[in-house]
Amino acid sequence: MKRGLLPLLTPAQLPEPWLQSGCAYLVNESIKVSAQDYRRFLQQQYQNLPPSLKEMMNFDYFEQQSEAKRPEIEQSLIAQQQQAEAVKPFCAEGLQDWRILSMFEHWQDMQLWQSMAAEGQGLIVEFDLAQSGFQTQTYNDQAQHLREVQQVTSWLPEDDLYYLFNRPQESRLNQHEWRLVRKLAAADRKIEVQGAERAMYRLPTKAVKRVILGYRCSSEYCQQVKQYLSQDINYRHTECLQAQLDPKTLCLQTVVI
C-alpha cells in the first residue's frame, strides 16, 4: 500500500484444482456397442462392397461371415466413438500470461478470514470501484476483465478465461467472488518473493476506502496501522476498523479503532 502497488496472483495460486499442474482427468471407458449400432455398421460396409461381390452374397450371409471378426469390429467402433466424444483435458498453460485479483462482496465470511487473511491476523482492504480503474476495458494498453465468478449447471467452455470465471454447480468454493484479470505484460513492476516472480499493478490511493483489521490482531498493531494511515497524506481518507466477535452471537462486527 505504501508504494501504491497491488500484487496479483498467478492462476496456480487460485483454489480451483483444474488450474494446478499435474491433474489426473477421468477417462471414459464405459462405451459399449449396441446390437443396433453393430448391425448398422455392417449394413454400411455391405453397401460399400463392389457390385461384383454383392451379387455373390446377400446381407445375411455377409453378416454371418463377419461374426468371427465381431470383437475386432466392436473395438474399432468403440475407438471411433471415444474419439468423437472425447473432451480434451484443460491445459492451464493458456492462462499463464494472466494475473488475478480475487475480491468478495462480504467481509463477514469467517471462512475467508481463515483461509485468506492469515486466520484472522491479517486485514481486508475495501475498494471504491468508481476510483479503482477496475471497470475499464484495458490497463496499460492491455485487456483487463472484471466479472463475478459464476456457478454453472452445464460446463461449456468458450475460451481459456471461462476457467477463471466459472465453477461447476457442485463446487463448495466461496461464493460472491469477483475477479479482476490483467495481463502479465501490463504489470507496472515485477519483484521476486521467495524465488517466485510477483507482478505488481498500480492502485489509485483514492480507491482504498476502508481497512478492516482481523479479529486476532493485537490492539498495539491496530493502533500502528491506524497511525500510519492517518499520517500518510494519500490515505488520510481511509477508514480504519477492526473486525471483532460479538460474544452474544459470535458474528463479526466492525469497531472503530
Protein backbone atom coordinates (compact mmCIF):
# COMPACT_ATOMS: atom_id res chain seq x y z
CA MET A 1 0.00 0.00 0.00
CA LYS A 2 2.82 2.42 0.83
CA ARG A 3 4.02 2.34 -2.78
CA GLY A 4 0.52 2.18 -4.23
CA LEU A 5 1.10 -1.25 -5.78
CA LEU A 6 -1.22 -4.23 -5.77
CA PRO A 7 0.11 -7.83 -6.11
CA LEU A 8 -1.97 -10.10 -8.34
CA LEU A 9 -1.99 -13.89 -8.21
CA THR A 10 -0.91 -16.43 -10.78
CA PRO A 11 -3.61 -18.91 -11.92
CA ALA A 12 -1.89 -21.69 -9.93
CA GLN A 13 -2.38 -19.70 -6.71
CA LEU A 14 -6.16 -19.87 -7.06
CA PRO A 15 -8.12 -22.68 -5.30
CA GLU A 16 -9.60 -24.36 -8.40
CA PRO A 17 -7.92 -27.77 -8.93
CA TRP A 18 -8.03 -27.53 -12.74
CA LEU A 19 -5.69 -24.54 -12.56
CA GLN A 20 -2.97 -26.67 -10.95
CA SER A 21 -0.42 -28.69 -12.90
CA GLY A 22 -0.39 -32.48 -12.94
CA CYS A 23 -4.15 -33.02 -12.53
CA ALA A 24 -5.50 -36.51 -13.30
CA TYR A 25 -8.56 -36.49 -15.58
CA LEU A 26 -11.14 -39.26 -15.81
CA VAL A 27 -11.05 -41.35 -18.99
CA ASN A 28 -14.47 -42.62 -20.09
CA GLU A 29 -14.12 -46.32 -20.76
CA SER A 30 -17.79 -47.28 -20.38
CA ILE A 31 -18.76 -47.00 -24.06
CA LYS A 32 -20.47 -50.13 -25.40
CA VAL A 33 -21.59 -51.06 -28.89
CA SER A 34 -25.28 -51.96 -29.14
CA ALA A 35 -26.57 -54.69 -31.45
CA GLN A 36 -28.30 -51.99 -33.47
CA ASP A 37 -25.07 -49.99 -33.90
CA TYR A 38 -23.18 -53.15 -34.87
CA ARG A 39 -25.78 -54.14 -37.49
CA ARG A 40 -25.93 -50.58 -38.86
CA PHE A 41 -22.15 -50.63 -39.33
CA LEU A 42 -22.33 -53.96 -41.21
CA GLN A 43 -25.07 -52.61 -43.45
CA GLN A 44 -22.87 -49.65 -44.35
CA GLN A 45 -19.94 -51.96 -45.06
CA TYR A 46 -22.12 -54.21 -47.21
CA GLN A 47 -23.38 -51.26 -49.23
CA ASN A 48 -19.78 -50.21 -49.89
CA LEU A 49 -18.85 -53.58 -51.38
CA PRO A 50 -18.06 -53.71 -55.13
CA PRO A 51 -21.15 -54.72 -57.16
CA SER A 52 -19.47 -57.97 -58.22
CA LEU A 53 -19.14 -59.11 -54.58
CA LYS A 54 -22.64 -58.03 -53.63
CA GLU A 55 -24.01 -60.24 -56.43
CA MET A 56 -22.28 -63.26 -54.89
CA MET A 57 -23.85 -62.94 -51.40
CA ASN A 58 -26.77 -61.36 -49.67
CA PHE A 59 -26.55 -59.27 -46.47
CA ASP A 60 -27.45 -62.17 -44.15
CA TYR A 61 -24.50 -64.19 -45.45
CA PHE A 62 -22.21 -61.16 -45.12
CA GLU A 63 -23.37 -60.69 -41.52
CA GLN A 64 -22.77 -64.36 -40.73
CA GLN A 65 -19.24 -64.24 -42.14
CA SER A 66 -18.49 -61.06 -40.16
CA GLU A 67 -19.38 -62.71 -36.84
CA ALA A 68 -15.90 -64.20 -36.48
CA LYS A 69 -14.43 -60.69 -36.51
CA ARG A 70 -17.09 -59.14 -34.26
CA PRO A 71 -14.74 -58.39 -31.28
CA GLU A 72 -12.33 -56.51 -33.53
CA ILE A 73 -15.19 -54.64 -35.25
CA GLU A 74 -16.73 -53.59 -31.92
CA GLN A 75 -13.36 -52.42 -30.60
CA SER A 76 -12.91 -50.30 -33.71
CA LEU A 77 -16.38 -48.78 -33.24
CA ILE A 78 -15.64 -48.01 -29.58
CA ALA A 79 -12.39 -46.28 -30.55
CA GLN A 80 -14.20 -44.17 -33.14
CA GLN A 81 -16.89 -43.19 -30.65
CA GLN A 82 -14.35 -42.32 -27.97
CA GLN A 83 -12.53 -40.08 -30.41
CA ALA A 84 -15.75 -38.37 -31.44
CA GLU A 85 -16.90 -37.80 -27.84
CA ALA A 86 -13.52 -37.07 -26.31
CA VAL A 87 -13.24 -33.90 -24.23
CA LYS A 88 -9.67 -32.71 -24.24
CA PRO A 89 -8.45 -32.07 -20.67
CA PHE A 90 -7.92 -28.38 -19.90
CA CYS A 91 -4.33 -27.17 -20.08
CA ALA A 92 -3.62 -24.26 -17.71
CA GLU A 93 -0.67 -23.16 -19.86
CA GLY A 94 -3.06 -20.96 -21.85
CA LEU A 95 -3.62 -18.78 -18.76
CA GLN A 96 0.00 -18.23 -17.74
CA ASP A 97 0.05 -14.69 -19.17
CA TRP A 98 -2.80 -13.56 -16.88
CA ARG A 99 -2.73 -12.34 -13.27
CA ILE A 100 -5.75 -12.32 -10.97
CA LEU A 101 -7.12 -10.32 -8.04
CA SER A 102 -9.87 -12.07 -6.06
CA MET A 103 -12.44 -9.84 -4.35
CA PHE A 104 -15.51 -10.69 -2.30
CA GLU A 105 -18.78 -8.89 -1.69
CA HIS A 106 -18.98 -9.60 2.05
CA TRP A 107 -16.20 -9.13 4.62
CA GLN A 108 -18.01 -11.08 7.41
CA ASP A 109 -17.33 -14.54 5.95
CA MET A 110 -15.39 -16.49 8.61
CA GLN A 111 -14.00 -18.94 6.05
CA LEU A 112 -12.44 -16.10 4.08
CA TRP A 113 -10.76 -14.72 7.17
CA GLN A 114 -9.38 -18.14 7.99
CA SER A 115 -8.16 -19.03 4.51
CA MET A 116 -7.19 -15.67 3.01
CA ALA A 117 -6.50 -13.30 5.90
CA ALA A 118 -3.95 -15.22 8.00
CA GLU A 119 -6.60 -16.85 10.20
CA GLY A 120 -7.83 -13.51 11.49
CA GLN A 121 -4.38 -11.94 11.90
CA GLY A 122 -4.44 -10.23 8.51
CA LEU A 123 -6.60 -7.46 7.12
CA ILE A 124 -9.19 -6.73 4.46
CA VAL A 125 -9.00 -3.78 2.08
CA GLU A 126 -12.32 -2.42 0.85
CA PHE A 127 -12.20 -0.72 -2.56
CA ASP A 128 -14.19 2.10 -4.06
CA LEU A 129 -14.76 0.67 -7.54
CA ALA A 130 -15.50 4.09 -9.02
CA GLN A 131 -11.95 5.19 -8.13
CA SER A 132 -10.17 1.88 -8.78
CA GLY A 133 -9.91 1.70 -12.57
CA PHE A 134 -11.05 -1.95 -12.37
CA GLN A 135 -14.08 -1.40 -14.59
CA THR A 136 -12.26 -0.20 -17.72
CA GLN A 137 -11.67 -2.45 -20.72
CA THR A 138 -7.89 -2.02 -20.71
CA TYR A 139 -4.98 -1.44 -18.32
CA ASN A 140 -1.65 -0.16 -19.65
CA ASP A 141 -2.94 -0.78 -23.19
CA GLN A 142 -3.62 -4.47 -22.38
CA ALA A 143 -7.01 -6.16 -21.94
CA GLN A 144 -8.47 -6.45 -18.45
CA HIS A 145 -11.65 -8.17 -17.25
CA LEU A 146 -13.78 -7.73 -14.13
CA ARG A 147 -16.52 -10.33 -13.66
CA GLU A 148 -18.37 -12.19 -10.95
CA VAL A 149 -17.45 -15.87 -10.62
CA GLN A 150 -20.48 -17.93 -11.69
CA GLN A 151 -21.73 -21.34 -10.55
CA VAL A 152 -22.86 -23.11 -13.75
CA THR A 153 -25.02 -26.21 -14.18
CA SER A 154 -23.57 -27.11 -17.59
CA TRP A 155 -19.83 -26.90 -18.20
CA LEU A 156 -19.48 -25.28 -21.65
CA PRO A 157 -16.03 -23.65 -22.04
CA GLU A 158 -15.89 -20.90 -24.65
CA ASP A 159 -12.24 -19.89 -24.14
CA ASP A 160 -9.46 -20.15 -21.57
CA LEU A 161 -10.86 -17.28 -19.45
CA TYR A 162 -14.01 -19.37 -18.92
CA TYR A 163 -11.96 -21.47 -16.46
CA LEU A 164 -11.23 -18.38 -14.31
CA PHE A 165 -14.78 -17.05 -14.11
CA ASN A 166 -16.88 -20.23 -13.81
CA ARG A 167 -17.23 -23.19 -11.46
CA PRO A 168 -19.41 -26.32 -11.56
CA GLN A 169 -22.66 -26.04 -9.60
CA GLU A 170 -21.45 -28.71 -7.16
CA SER A 171 -18.39 -26.66 -6.20
CA ARG A 172 -18.10 -25.81 -2.50
CA LEU A 173 -15.70 -22.92 -3.07
CA ASN A 174 -16.51 -19.43 -1.83
CA GLN A 175 -19.42 -17.65 -3.46
CA HIS A 176 -20.00 -13.94 -4.15
CA GLU A 177 -16.49 -13.67 -5.55
CA TRP A 178 -15.40 -11.22 -8.22
CA ARG A 179 -12.15 -11.44 -10.15
CA LEU A 180 -10.06 -8.79 -11.83
CA VAL A 181 -7.85 -10.29 -14.55
CA ARG A 182 -4.94 -8.41 -16.09
CA LYS A 183 -2.15 -9.31 -18.49
CA LEU A 184 1.28 -10.03 -17.06
CA ALA A 185 2.73 -7.73 -19.73
CA ALA A 186 0.72 -4.84 -18.23
CA ALA A 187 2.41 -5.09 -14.82
CA ASP A 188 3.92 -1.84 -13.52
CA ARG A 189 6.59 -3.69 -11.59
CA LYS A 190 7.84 -7.23 -11.06
CA ILE A 191 9.54 -8.36 -7.86
CA GLU A 192 10.88 -11.67 -6.61
CA VAL A 193 9.31 -13.21 -3.50
CA GLN A 194 10.82 -16.46 -2.18
CA GLY A 195 12.25 -17.26 -5.57
CA ALA A 196 9.00 -16.60 -7.46
CA GLU A 197 8.21 -13.58 -9.61
CA ARG A 198 5.32 -11.42 -8.41
CA ALA A 199 3.55 -8.99 -10.74
CA MET A 200 2.57 -5.64 -9.20
CA TYR A 201 -0.01 -3.18 -10.52
CA ARG A 202 -0.62 0.41 -9.53
CA LEU A 203 -3.65 1.10 -7.35
CA PRO A 204 -5.02 4.66 -7.01
CA THR A 205 -4.83 5.54 -3.32
CA LYS A 206 -8.33 7.05 -3.50
CA ALA A 207 -9.63 3.56 -4.28
CA VAL A 208 -8.75 2.35 -0.75
CA LYS A 209 -11.99 3.05 1.09
CA ARG A 210 -11.62 1.06 4.33
CA VAL A 211 -9.07 -1.16 6.04
CA ILE A 212 -10.55 -3.80 8.36
CA LEU A 213 -8.03 -5.48 10.62
CA GLY A 214 -8.57 -9.07 11.73
CA TYR A 215 -10.14 -10.26 14.98
CA ARG A 216 -6.79 -11.74 16.11
CA CYS A 217 -4.77 -8.58 15.55
CA SER A 218 -3.36 -7.07 18.74
CA SER A 219 -4.54 -3.65 19.89
CA GLU A 220 -0.95 -2.38 19.51
CA TYR A 221 -0.82 -3.48 15.88
CA CYS A 222 -4.22 -1.93 15.18
CA GLN A 223 -3.02 1.40 16.57
CA GLN A 224 0.14 1.23 14.46
CA VAL A 225 -1.87 0.70 11.26
CA LYS A 226 -4.28 3.50 12.16
CA GLN A 227 -1.39 5.86 12.87
CA TYR A 228 0.28 5.00 9.59
CA LEU A 229 -2.89 5.67 7.59
CA SER A 230 -3.62 8.95 9.37
CA GLN A 231 -0.07 10.24 8.84
CA ASP A 232 0.15 9.33 5.15
CA ILE A 233 -1.37 12.13 3.07
CA ASN A 234 -2.51 9.58 0.46
CA TYR A 235 -4.51 7.50 2.96
CA ARG A 236 -5.93 10.03 5.42
CA HIS A 237 -9.35 9.49 3.89
CA THR A 238 -9.22 5.73 4.61
CA GLU A 239 -11.36 4.48 7.48
CA CYS A 240 -9.53 2.08 9.84
CA LEU A 241 -11.60 -0.55 11.67
CA GLN A 242 -11.19 -3.89 13.39
CA ALA A 243 -13.41 -6.93 12.99
CA GLN A 244 -14.36 -8.24 16.43
CA LEU A 245 -16.53 -11.14 17.57
CA ASP A 246 -19.83 -10.29 19.22
CA PRO A 247 -19.90 -12.55 22.34
CA LYS A 248 -23.71 -12.84 22.11
CA THR A 249 -23.87 -14.08 18.52
CA LEU A 250 -20.23 -14.93 17.65
CA CYS A 251 -20.74 -12.92 14.46
CA LEU A 252 -18.20 -10.37 13.28
CA GLN A 253 -18.83 -6.67 13.84
CA THR A 254 -16.65 -3.69 12.96
CA VAL A 255 -15.28 -1.44 15.69
CA VAL A 256 -13.67 1.93 15.04
CA ILE A 257 -10.05 1.99 16.17
